[in-house]
């Protein structure tokens, strides 16, 4: 479906659109702090054993899905602005 008036759509759902993008961004930032602490602890202790369960705890699919959704939403906004 091609929107006849994309600006009207974004004006109507401006708050919802940016709320969703903000929630995704804050979630990724929250998980990034755990990843950062994991890496700094790993470097400090020079521990060579990383288990699969440990990596799945820090790098789960939700982070990747959230980043992809956020990038797609940002691209949509840029495309509509440049129309």
Protein backbone atom coordinates (compact mmCIF):
# COMPACT_ATOMS: atom_id res chain seq x y z
CA UNK A 1 0.00 0.00 0.00
CA UNK A 2 1.40 3.32 -1.05
CA UNK A 3 0.55 6.18 1.24
CA UNK A 4 -0.95 9.13 -0.53
CA UNK A 5 0.09 11.57 2.16
CA UNK A 6 3.03 10.15 4.11
CA UNK A 7 3.55 13.38 6.04
CA UNK A 8 0.01 13.18 7.41
CA UNK A 9 0.67 9.62 8.56
CA UNK A 10 3.84 10.63 10.41
CA UNK A 11 2.24 13.69 11.94
CA UNK A 12 -0.69 11.62 13.16
CA UNK A 13 1.49 8.90 14.71
CA UNK A 14 4.54 11.02 15.59
CA UNK A 15 4.48 10.31 19.33
CA UNK A 16 3.82 6.59 18.94
CA UNK A 17 6.50 6.20 16.28
CA UNK A 18 9.16 7.92 18.36
CA UNK A 19 8.07 6.20 21.57
CA UNK A 20 8.62 2.82 19.92
CA UNK A 21 12.02 3.89 18.58
CA UNK A 22 12.99 5.28 22.01
CA UNK A 23 12.00 2.09 23.84
CA UNK A 24 14.03 -0.03 21.42
CA UNK A 25 17.02 2.30 21.72
CA UNK A 26 16.91 2.34 25.52
CA UNK A 27 16.67 -1.46 25.62
CA UNK A 28 19.71 -1.83 23.38
CA UNK A 29 21.62 0.71 25.50
CA UNK A 30 20.63 -1.18 28.67
CA UNK A 31 21.90 -4.47 27.25
CA UNK A 32 25.04 -2.76 25.93
CA UNK A 33 26.03 -1.82 29.49
CA UNK A 34 26.01 -5.51 30.42
CA UNK A 35 28.08 -6.35 27.37
CA UNK A 36 30.54 -3.59 28.24
CA UNK A 37 30.87 -4.83 31.84
CA UNK A 38 31.34 -8.39 30.58
CA UNK A 39 34.13 -7.34 28.21
CA UNK A 40 35.90 -5.19 30.79
CA UNK A 41 35.73 -8.03 33.35
CA UNK A 42 36.99 -10.48 30.72
CA UNK A 43 39.94 -8.25 29.88
CA UNK A 44 40.75 -7.67 33.55
CA UNK A 45 40.73 -11.37 34.49
CA UNK A 46 42.11 -12.77 31.22
CA UNK A 47 39.76 -15.71 31.43
CA UNK A 48 39.89 -17.92 28.34
CA UNK A 49 36.75 -20.00 28.83
CA UNK A 50 33.53 -18.52 27.47
CA UNK A 51 30.59 -20.85 27.62
CA UNK A 52 27.73 -20.90 25.15
CA UNK A 53 25.21 -20.11 27.88
CA UNK A 54 27.21 -17.07 28.89
CA UNK A 55 27.35 -15.65 25.38
CA UNK A 56 23.64 -16.29 24.84
CA UNK A 57 22.92 -14.38 28.03
CA UNK A 58 24.60 -11.24 26.70
CA UNK A 59 24.06 -11.59 22.94
CA UNK A 60 20.48 -12.70 22.46
CA UNK A 61 18.28 -12.37 19.38
CA UNK A 62 16.18 -9.56 20.86
CA UNK A 63 19.12 -7.15 20.61
CA UNK A 64 19.59 -7.89 16.91
CA UNK A 65 15.87 -7.71 16.16
CA UNK A 66 15.57 -4.42 18.04
CA UNK A 67 18.48 -2.91 16.14
CA UNK A 68 17.08 -4.03 12.80
CA UNK A 69 13.61 -2.64 13.58
CA UNK A 70 15.10 0.64 14.74
CA UNK A 71 17.23 0.97 11.59
CA UNK A 72 14.27 0.15 9.35
CA UNK A 73 12.10 2.75 11.09
CA UNK A 74 14.84 5.37 10.71
CA UNK A 75 15.22 4.55 7.01
CA UNK A 76 11.47 4.89 6.51
CA UNK A 77 11.54 8.34 8.09
CA UNK A 78 14.48 9.39 5.90
CA UNK A 79 12.80 8.12 2.73
CA UNK A 80 9.56 9.93 3.50
CA UNK A 81 11.38 13.15 4.30
CA UNK A 82 13.27 13.02 0.98
CA UNK A 83 10.14 12.37 -1.15
